[in-house]
Amino acid sequence: LLSEYSSLKKRYWGQHLWARGYWVASSGNVTDEVWKEYIKNQKPDEPDDDFSVL
């Protein structure tokens, strides 16, 4: 990308064009519902008790 567009090369010289923590992939034949369930299951479980400091 940078070799094709010299204006980007000048602008992003010495910097990163993409963020390190971002990932993209093709989902193929996976439905939106399957992705939603997968994402929902990635969240850590909530604790069963409420903790508070007074």
N, C-alpha and C. Protein backbone atom coordinates (compact mmCIF):
# COMPACT_ATOMS: atom_id res chain seq x y z
N LEU A 1 0.83 -1.19 0.00
CA LEU A 1 0.00 0.00 0.00
C LEU A 1 0.87 1.25 0.00
N LEU A 2 1.86 1.26 0.88
CA LEU A 2 2.73 2.44 0.96
C LEU A 2 3.60 2.59 -0.28
N SER A 3 3.97 1.47 -0.89
CA SER A 3 4.81 1.57 -2.10
C SER A 3 4.00 2.07 -3.29
N GLU A 4 2.68 1.84 -3.28
CA GLU A 4 1.84 2.29 -4.39
C GLU A 4 1.43 3.75 -4.26
N TYR A 5 1.27 4.23 -3.05
CA TYR A 5 0.79 5.60 -2.82
C TYR A 5 1.86 6.39 -2.06
N SER A 6 2.62 7.15 -2.82
CA SER A 6 3.74 7.88 -2.21
C SER A 6 3.28 8.91 -1.19
N SER A 7 2.07 9.45 -1.35
CA SER A 7 1.57 10.43 -0.38
C SER A 7 1.39 9.78 1.00
N LEU A 8 0.96 8.53 1.03
CA LEU A 8 0.83 7.82 2.30
C LEU A 8 2.20 7.51 2.90
N LYS A 9 3.14 7.18 2.03
CA LYS A 9 4.49 6.86 2.50
C LYS A 9 5.10 8.05 3.22
N LYS A 10 4.91 9.24 2.66
CA LYS A 10 5.43 10.45 3.29
C LYS A 10 4.71 10.74 4.61
N ARG A 11 3.40 10.55 4.60
CA ARG A 11 2.60 10.86 5.79
C ARG A 11 2.88 9.91 6.95
N TYR A 12 3.05 8.62 6.65
CA TYR A 12 3.21 7.62 7.70
C TYR A 12 4.65 7.15 7.86
N TRP A 13 5.61 7.90 7.38
CA TRP A 13 7.01 7.52 7.50
C TRP A 13 7.39 7.36 8.97
N GLY A 14 7.90 6.20 9.33
CA GLY A 14 8.32 5.94 10.70
C GLY A 14 7.18 5.64 11.66
N GLN A 15 5.97 5.57 11.14
CA GLN A 15 4.81 5.30 11.98
C GLN A 15 4.11 4.04 11.47
N HIS A 16 3.15 3.57 12.24
CA HIS A 16 2.38 2.40 11.84
C HIS A 16 1.09 2.85 11.18
N LEU A 17 0.76 2.21 10.07
CA LEU A 17 -0.49 2.52 9.37
C LEU A 17 -1.68 1.84 10.06
N TRP A 18 -1.43 0.65 10.63
CA TRP A 18 -2.49 -0.08 11.30
C TRP A 18 -2.17 -0.22 12.79
N ALA A 19 -3.21 -0.29 13.60
CA ALA A 19 -3.03 -0.52 15.04
C ALA A 19 -2.65 -1.98 15.27
N ARG A 20 -1.86 -2.24 16.29
CA ARG A 20 -1.40 -3.60 16.58
C ARG A 20 -2.51 -4.49 17.13
N GLY A 21 -3.49 -3.95 17.81
CA GLY A 21 -4.49 -4.77 18.48
C GLY A 21 -5.73 -5.05 17.66
N TYR A 22 -5.66 -4.93 16.36
CA TYR A 22 -6.84 -5.10 15.53
C TYR A 22 -6.65 -6.30 14.61
N TRP A 23 -7.67 -7.14 14.49
CA TRP A 23 -7.57 -8.34 13.67
C TRP A 23 -8.85 -8.50 12.86
N VAL A 24 -8.73 -8.81 11.60
CA VAL A 24 -9.88 -9.00 10.71
C VAL A 24 -9.71 -10.31 9.97
N ALA A 25 -10.81 -11.02 9.81
CA ALA A 25 -10.78 -12.26 9.05
C ALA A 25 -12.12 -12.45 8.34
N SER A 26 -12.13 -13.26 7.35
CA SER A 26 -13.36 -13.59 6.65
C SER A 26 -14.10 -14.66 7.45
N SER A 27 -15.41 -14.53 7.53
CA SER A 27 -16.18 -15.49 8.32
C SER A 27 -16.74 -16.63 7.48
N GLY A 28 -16.57 -16.57 6.18
CA GLY A 28 -17.05 -17.66 5.32
C GLY A 28 -18.54 -17.87 5.46
N ASN A 29 -18.94 -19.09 5.78
CA ASN A 29 -20.35 -19.45 5.87
C ASN A 29 -20.90 -19.33 7.29
N VAL A 30 -20.21 -18.66 8.17
CA VAL A 30 -20.65 -18.51 9.55
C VAL A 30 -21.70 -17.40 9.61
N THR A 31 -22.80 -17.67 10.28
CA THR A 31 -23.88 -16.68 10.36
C THR A 31 -23.59 -15.61 11.41
N ASP A 32 -24.33 -14.52 11.33
CA ASP A 32 -24.20 -13.45 12.32
C ASP A 32 -24.53 -13.95 13.72
N GLU A 33 -25.50 -14.85 13.82
CA GLU A 33 -25.89 -15.37 15.13
C GLU A 33 -24.75 -16.17 15.77
N VAL A 34 -24.03 -16.93 14.98
CA VAL A 34 -22.89 -17.69 15.50
C VAL A 34 -21.82 -16.73 16.00
N TRP A 35 -21.55 -15.66 15.24
CA TRP A 35 -20.56 -14.66 15.68
C TRP A 35 -21.01 -13.97 16.96
N LYS A 36 -22.28 -13.61 17.06
CA LYS A 36 -22.79 -12.95 18.27
C LYS A 36 -22.62 -13.86 19.49
N GLU A 37 -22.91 -15.14 19.33
CA GLU A 37 -22.75 -16.09 20.43
C GLU A 37 -21.28 -16.23 20.82
N TYR A 38 -20.41 -16.28 19.83
CA TYR A 38 -18.97 -16.38 20.09
C TYR A 38 -18.49 -15.16 20.87
N ILE A 39 -18.87 -13.97 20.44
CA ILE A 39 -18.46 -12.74 21.11
C ILE A 39 -19.02 -12.69 22.52
N LYS A 40 -20.27 -13.08 22.68
CA LYS A 40 -20.90 -13.08 24.01
C LYS A 40 -20.14 -13.99 24.97
N ASN A 41 -19.65 -15.10 24.47
CA ASN A 41 -18.93 -16.06 25.32
C ASN A 41 -17.49 -15.65 25.59
N GLN A 42 -17.00 -14.59 24.98
CA GLN A 42 -15.64 -14.11 25.23
C GLN A 42 -15.56 -13.21 26.46
N LYS A 43 -16.69 -12.69 26.89
CA LYS A 43 -16.70 -11.82 28.07
C LYS A 43 -16.46 -12.65 29.33
N PRO A 44 -15.69 -12.13 30.27
CA PRO A 44 -15.49 -12.87 31.52
C PRO A 44 -16.80 -12.97 32.30
N ASP A 45 -16.94 -14.05 33.03
CA ASP A 45 -18.14 -14.23 33.85
C ASP A 45 -18.21 -13.16 34.92
N GLU A 46 -19.41 -12.69 35.17
CA GLU A 46 -19.63 -11.71 36.23
C GLU A 46 -19.59 -12.44 37.57
N PRO A 47 -19.02 -11.82 38.58
CA PRO A 47 -19.01 -12.46 39.91
C PRO A 47 -20.44 -12.61 40.44
N ASP A 48 -20.65 -13.65 41.24
CA ASP A 48 -21.98 -13.92 41.77
C ASP A 48 -22.36 -12.98 42.90
N ASP A 49 -21.38 -12.42 43.58
CA ASP A 49 -21.71 -11.53 44.70
C ASP A 49 -21.30 -10.10 44.36
N ASP A 50 -21.98 -9.16 44.98
CA ASP A 50 -21.65 -7.75 44.80
C ASP A 50 -20.61 -7.35 45.83
N PHE A 51 -19.55 -6.75 45.39
CA PHE A 51 -18.49 -6.30 46.28
C PHE A 51 -18.50 -4.78 46.29
N SER A 52 -18.50 -4.22 47.48
CA SER A 52 -18.45 -2.76 47.55
C SER A 52 -17.58 -2.34 48.73
N VAL A 53 -16.97 -1.19 48.58
CA VAL A 53 -16.13 -0.63 49.63
C VAL A 53 -16.83 0.61 50.14
N LEU A 54 -17.03 0.67 51.44
CA LEU A 54 -17.71 1.84 52.02
C LEU A 54 -16.73 2.81 52.58
